[in-house]
Amino acid sequence: MTTAAAKGEGGRALGWRAAIVGAGTLVSRLSGLAREMLLAALYTRVETDAFFVAFRIPNGLRQILAEGAISSAVTEAGSSDIVLIAGK
């Protein structure tokens, strides 16, 4: 197989993978639209506002804490401080 042929096959595979990601994104957006339309049809404005506020707080905390990334960074910094203090 020549180099040009190998690049052509890789390009098609890359295109196929990009199409799969694009299709997944489209499905996600359409299901989000359907969810919003269903919420708007079933509940009042006050009820939907309360629903969104109730989910904003835990989602914000998850984003801030990045599923443990900050806690692991703090643990690393704290452990080095403990070693320095214990070494005195």
N, C-alpha and C. Protein backbone atom coordinates (compact mmCIF):
# COMPACT_ATOMS: atom_id res chain seq x y z
N MET A 1 0.85 -1.17 0.00
CA MET A 1 0.00 0.00 0.00
C MET A 1 0.90 1.24 0.00
N THR A 2 0.57 2.17 -0.84
CA THR A 2 1.37 3.39 -0.92
C THR A 2 0.96 4.36 0.17
N THR A 3 1.79 5.36 0.35
CA THR A 3 1.50 6.37 1.37
C THR A 3 0.23 7.14 1.03
N ALA A 4 0.02 7.45 -0.23
CA ALA A 4 -1.17 8.18 -0.65
C ALA A 4 -2.43 7.36 -0.37
N ALA A 5 -2.36 6.06 -0.61
CA ALA A 5 -3.52 5.20 -0.34
C ALA A 5 -3.80 5.12 1.14
N ALA A 6 -2.75 5.07 1.95
CA ALA A 6 -2.94 5.01 3.39
C ALA A 6 -3.56 6.30 3.90
N LYS A 7 -3.16 7.43 3.35
CA LYS A 7 -3.74 8.71 3.76
C LYS A 7 -5.21 8.80 3.36
N GLY A 8 -5.54 8.25 2.19
CA GLY A 8 -6.93 8.27 1.74
C GLY A 8 -7.83 7.46 2.65
N GLU A 9 -7.36 6.30 3.07
CA GLU A 9 -8.16 5.46 3.97
C GLU A 9 -8.29 6.13 5.34
N GLY A 10 -7.22 6.74 5.82
CA GLY A 10 -7.28 7.44 7.10
C GLY A 10 -8.21 8.63 7.05
N GLY A 11 -8.24 9.31 5.91
CA GLY A 11 -9.13 10.45 5.74
C GLY A 11 -10.59 10.05 5.77
N ARG A 12 -10.88 8.90 5.15
CA ARG A 12 -12.26 8.41 5.18
C ARG A 12 -12.66 8.00 6.58
N ALA A 13 -11.75 7.37 7.30
CA ALA A 13 -12.05 6.96 8.68
C ALA A 13 -12.27 8.19 9.55
N LEU A 14 -11.45 9.21 9.35
CA LEU A 14 -11.60 10.44 10.12
C LEU A 14 -12.93 11.11 9.79
N GLY A 15 -13.28 11.13 8.51
CA GLY A 15 -14.56 11.70 8.10
C GLY A 15 -15.74 10.96 8.70
N TRP A 16 -15.64 9.63 8.74
CA TRP A 16 -16.70 8.81 9.31
C TRP A 16 -16.85 9.10 10.80
N ARG A 17 -15.72 9.20 11.50
CA ARG A 17 -15.77 9.49 12.94
C ARG A 17 -16.33 10.88 13.20
N ALA A 18 -15.97 11.84 12.36
CA ALA A 18 -16.52 13.19 12.50
C ALA A 18 -18.03 13.19 12.26
N ALA A 19 -18.48 12.38 11.30
CA ALA A 19 -19.91 12.28 11.03
C ALA A 19 -20.65 11.67 12.22
N ILE A 20 -20.05 10.70 12.88
CA ILE A 20 -20.68 10.08 14.05
C ILE A 20 -20.80 11.10 15.18
N VAL A 21 -19.74 11.87 15.40
CA VAL A 21 -19.78 12.90 16.44
C VAL A 21 -20.82 13.96 16.09
N GLY A 22 -20.87 14.35 14.82
CA GLY A 22 -21.86 15.33 14.39
C GLY A 22 -23.28 14.83 14.56
N ALA A 23 -23.52 13.57 14.23
CA ALA A 23 -24.85 12.99 14.38
C ALA A 23 -25.23 12.91 15.86
N GLY A 24 -24.27 12.55 16.70
CA GLY A 24 -24.55 12.52 18.14
C GLY A 24 -24.89 13.90 18.69
N THR A 25 -24.18 14.90 18.21
CA THR A 25 -24.46 16.27 18.64
C THR A 25 -25.85 16.69 18.18
N LEU A 26 -26.21 16.36 16.96
CA LEU A 26 -27.55 16.69 16.44
C LEU A 26 -28.64 16.02 17.26
N VAL A 27 -28.47 14.75 17.57
CA VAL A 27 -29.46 14.02 18.38
C VAL A 27 -29.56 14.65 19.76
N SER A 28 -28.43 15.03 20.34
CA SER A 28 -28.44 15.64 21.66
C SER A 28 -29.19 16.98 21.64
N ARG A 29 -28.94 17.79 20.63
CA ARG A 29 -29.62 19.08 20.53
C ARG A 29 -31.12 18.91 20.32
N LEU A 30 -31.50 17.97 19.48
CA LEU A 30 -32.93 17.74 19.23
C LEU A 30 -33.63 17.20 20.46
N SER A 31 -32.98 16.32 21.22
CA SER A 31 -33.61 15.81 22.44
C SER A 31 -33.70 16.92 23.49
N GLY A 32 -32.72 17.82 23.52
CA GLY A 32 -32.80 18.97 24.43
C GLY A 32 -33.95 19.89 24.06
N LEU A 33 -34.15 20.11 22.77
CA LEU A 33 -35.28 20.92 22.31
C LEU A 33 -36.60 20.27 22.69
N ALA A 34 -36.70 18.95 22.50
CA ALA A 34 -37.93 18.24 22.86
C ALA A 34 -38.18 18.34 24.37
N ARG A 35 -37.13 18.23 25.19
CA ARG A 35 -37.27 18.36 26.64
C ARG A 35 -37.78 19.74 27.01
N GLU A 36 -37.22 20.78 26.40
CA GLU A 36 -37.66 22.15 26.70
C GLU A 36 -39.11 22.38 26.28
N MET A 37 -39.49 21.84 25.14
CA MET A 37 -40.87 22.00 24.68
C MET A 37 -41.84 21.26 25.60
N LEU A 38 -41.44 20.09 26.06
CA LEU A 38 -42.28 19.31 26.97
C LEU A 38 -42.44 20.02 28.31
N LEU A 39 -41.34 20.55 28.84
CA LEU A 39 -41.43 21.30 30.11
C LEU A 39 -42.32 22.52 29.97
N ALA A 40 -42.17 23.24 28.84
CA ALA A 40 -42.98 24.44 28.63
C ALA A 40 -44.46 24.10 28.49
N ALA A 41 -44.77 22.94 27.92
CA ALA A 41 -46.17 22.55 27.72
C ALA A 41 -46.81 22.06 29.01
N LEU A 42 -46.03 21.42 29.88
CA LEU A 42 -46.60 20.79 31.06
C LEU A 42 -46.63 21.66 32.31
N TYR A 43 -45.68 22.60 32.43
CA TYR A 43 -45.54 23.35 33.68
C TYR A 43 -45.63 24.85 33.44
N THR A 44 -45.91 25.55 34.53
CA THR A 44 -45.98 27.01 34.46
C THR A 44 -44.57 27.58 34.51
N ARG A 45 -44.48 28.88 34.30
CA ARG A 45 -43.17 29.56 34.31
C ARG A 45 -42.51 29.46 35.68
N VAL A 46 -43.28 29.63 36.74
CA VAL A 46 -42.74 29.58 38.10
C VAL A 46 -42.20 28.18 38.40
N GLU A 47 -42.92 27.16 37.99
CA GLU A 47 -42.47 25.79 38.24
C GLU A 47 -41.19 25.46 37.48
N THR A 48 -41.11 25.90 36.23
CA THR A 48 -39.90 25.61 35.47
C THR A 48 -38.71 26.41 36.01
N ASP A 49 -38.95 27.64 36.46
CA ASP A 49 -37.86 28.42 37.06
C ASP A 49 -37.33 27.72 38.31
N ALA A 50 -38.23 27.20 39.13
CA ALA A 50 -37.80 26.49 40.34
C ALA A 50 -37.02 25.23 39.97
N PHE A 51 -37.44 24.55 38.93
CA PHE A 51 -36.75 23.34 38.47
C PHE A 51 -35.33 23.68 38.04
N PHE A 52 -35.16 24.74 37.26
CA PHE A 52 -33.84 25.10 36.77
C PHE A 52 -32.94 25.61 37.88
N VAL A 53 -33.48 26.34 38.83
CA VAL A 53 -32.68 26.81 39.96
C VAL A 53 -32.23 25.63 40.81
N ALA A 54 -33.10 24.66 41.01
CA ALA A 54 -32.77 23.49 41.82
C ALA A 54 -31.61 22.70 41.21
N PHE A 55 -31.50 22.69 39.89
CA PHE A 55 -30.41 21.96 39.25
C PHE A 55 -29.17 22.82 39.02
N ARG A 56 -29.31 24.13 39.05
CA ARG A 56 -28.16 25.00 38.81
C ARG A 56 -27.14 24.91 39.94
N ILE A 57 -27.59 24.80 41.18
CA ILE A 57 -26.68 24.78 42.33
C ILE A 57 -25.80 23.52 42.31
N PRO A 58 -26.34 22.31 42.24
CA PRO A 58 -25.44 21.15 42.21
C PRO A 58 -24.58 21.08 40.96
N ASN A 59 -25.11 21.52 39.83
CA ASN A 59 -24.30 21.50 38.61
C ASN A 59 -23.16 22.51 38.71
N GLY A 60 -23.42 23.66 39.32
CA GLY A 60 -22.36 24.65 39.52
C GLY A 60 -21.27 24.13 40.45
N LEU A 61 -21.68 23.47 41.51
CA LEU A 61 -20.69 22.89 42.42
C LEU A 61 -19.86 21.82 41.73
N ARG A 62 -20.50 21.02 40.89
CA ARG A 62 -19.77 19.99 40.16
C ARG A 62 -18.76 20.63 39.21
N GLN A 63 -19.16 21.72 38.55
CA GLN A 63 -18.23 22.38 37.65
C GLN A 63 -17.08 23.02 38.40
N ILE A 64 -17.36 23.62 39.55
CA ILE A 64 -16.29 24.25 40.32
C ILE A 64 -15.32 23.20 40.83
N LEU A 65 -15.85 22.13 41.35
CA LEU A 65 -14.99 21.09 41.92
C LEU A 65 -14.41 20.16 40.85
N ALA A 66 -14.94 20.23 39.66
CA ALA A 66 -14.46 19.45 38.50
C ALA A 66 -14.28 17.98 38.84
N GLU A 67 -15.26 17.44 39.51
CA GLU A 67 -15.28 16.02 39.86
C GLU A 67 -13.99 15.57 40.55
N GLY A 68 -13.53 16.37 41.47
CA GLY A 68 -12.39 15.99 42.29
C GLY A 68 -11.05 16.54 41.86
N ALA A 69 -11.01 17.29 40.75
CA ALA A 69 -9.73 17.81 40.28
C ALA A 69 -9.14 18.82 41.26
N ILE A 70 -9.97 19.71 41.77
CA ILE A 70 -9.47 20.70 42.73
C ILE A 70 -9.11 20.04 44.03
N SER A 71 -9.91 19.09 44.47
CA SER A 71 -9.60 18.43 45.74
C SER A 71 -8.28 17.68 45.67
N SER A 72 -7.98 17.07 44.53
CA SER A 72 -6.69 16.39 44.41
C SER A 72 -5.54 17.38 44.37
N ALA A 73 -5.75 18.54 43.75
CA ALA A 73 -4.71 19.57 43.73
C ALA A 73 -4.47 20.11 45.13
N VAL A 74 -5.55 20.32 45.89
CA VAL A 74 -5.41 20.82 47.26
C VAL A 74 -4.73 19.77 48.12
N THR A 75 -5.06 18.52 47.92
CA THR A 75 -4.43 17.45 48.69
C THR A 75 -2.93 17.41 48.42
N GLU A 76 -2.53 17.56 47.16
CA GLU A 76 -1.11 17.57 46.83
C GLU A 76 -0.41 18.75 47.48
N ALA A 77 -1.00 19.94 47.41
CA ALA A 77 -0.38 21.12 48.01
C ALA A 77 -0.34 20.99 49.53
N GLY A 78 -1.40 20.46 50.11
CA GLY A 78 -1.45 20.28 51.56
C GLY A 78 -0.45 19.26 52.05
N SER A 79 -0.27 18.19 51.29
CA SER A 79 0.67 17.16 51.73
C SER A 79 2.11 17.67 51.67
N SER A 80 2.43 18.51 50.69
CA SER A 80 3.79 19.05 50.64
C SER A 80 4.03 20.01 51.80
N ASP A 81 3.00 20.75 52.21
CA ASP A 81 3.14 21.63 53.38
C ASP A 81 3.33 20.81 54.65
N ILE A 82 2.65 19.70 54.77
CA ILE A 82 2.78 18.85 55.95
C ILE A 82 4.19 18.27 56.03
N VAL A 83 4.73 17.88 54.90
CA VAL A 83 6.09 17.35 54.87
C VAL A 83 7.10 18.42 55.28
N LEU A 84 6.88 19.66 54.82
CA LEU A 84 7.78 20.74 55.19
C LEU A 84 7.72 21.04 56.69
N ILE A 85 6.52 21.02 57.24
CA ILE A 85 6.35 21.29 58.66
C ILE A 85 6.97 20.15 59.48
N ALA A 86 6.75 18.93 59.06
CA ALA A 86 7.27 17.78 59.81
C ALA A 86 8.79 17.70 59.70
N GLY A 87 9.35 18.26 58.64
CA GLY A 87 10.79 18.19 58.46
C GLY A 87 11.57 19.18 59.30
N LYS A 88 10.92 20.11 59.97
CA LYS A 88 11.63 21.12 60.76
C LYS A 88 12.34 20.56 61.89
